[in-house]
């Protein structure tokens, strides 16, 4: 078991140093680097206690106790940084107040002599039982709370990108979802498992975040995207930075208040005409920002128009047009020599999975089932 912990410690510090040398680091990368470093320190202190080497380093005893309170905030900050929802100003500092509080609470123990510290550890925390119970309860509450909040922010991120992108095949953070689930498993083990099992799971968790975290690009990083003014009371839309900083057109006077019905209808008509005339939905990389630029309206305004007039977000609206175009292409006798997938690509889809998923979502059946039901043939 000691070899496993040593391996985990070495890998943790190696991954942390590897991230430091990564080019073009984002805020999320810096947070992940810090998180891995803290995990390395935490594992090292645990290894010292488990192997009873603390007798050679007694002044380090107690420093590991508040460290579990660091992992929840770092998970939350990493999630918000990677999805461009990082707390403004210096509000992130407040997430570490509980850690500081526990260190202050432990001041009496940390200031004791080396002999006294060793005696307390050898007698399973005798004299500090009540404080240990309160700290453990705080650790569990902190961990589970930050898991819930991180899942909420990740879910909001997924909802937001559907208002901006027509294709999300390369814009997903499924691995981050699995990371949060992995953290959840660790906290469950913390509640019902022993120390050896806990830190064994942590070592495997480190391997997971090292492999996926380092190679993760960071889709919505601060260099490319900013958060715009919400189109309604509780939503935020991510915009390309160059579009977000451009002067707003005249129609933007509607964006900071509710758009009037006539304004919505006017922009909607222009949108329908543009789509029918230029078939912009066939552009695989079409975004809300690019489309709003063609219509000379602010992205927030266009997002509100699509949601109000079409009853869909941007993603569903564009993919519905692609599905309609695909069905029209099927009805053209000249297209019978083409495959389903080639026609789908012509209509703006960039993968078979995306095509099948959106077709079934909007039509209710798969493309092959649709062909069978309508008695169509295609080579």
Foldseek 3Di string as FASTA:
>chain_A
DLVLLVVLLVLLLVLLVVLVPDPPDFPLSVLSSVLSVLVSVLSVVVSCLVVVVCLVVLLCPPVNLLSLLVNLLSLLQSLCQLLVNHDPDPVSVVSCVVSVVVCVVCVVVSPDDSVVSSVCSVVVNPPCVVVSVVSLVVSLVSLVVSLVNSVVSLVLSVVQVLQWWQDCPVPHPVLSVVLSVLSVVLSVCVVPNDPVVSVSSVSVSSVSCSVPVVPDPRPAHPVFWHWADAQDDDHIHIDGPVLRPDDAAPVCVCRVDPHDPVSLVVLVVVLVVCCVVPVPLLAQGDTLSVSCVVSRHRSSVVQVSCCVVVVGRNNLVSLLQLLVQLVVLLPDPVQQADDSVVSSNSSRDDDPVVNQVSNCVNVVDGPVVVCVVVVGHHD
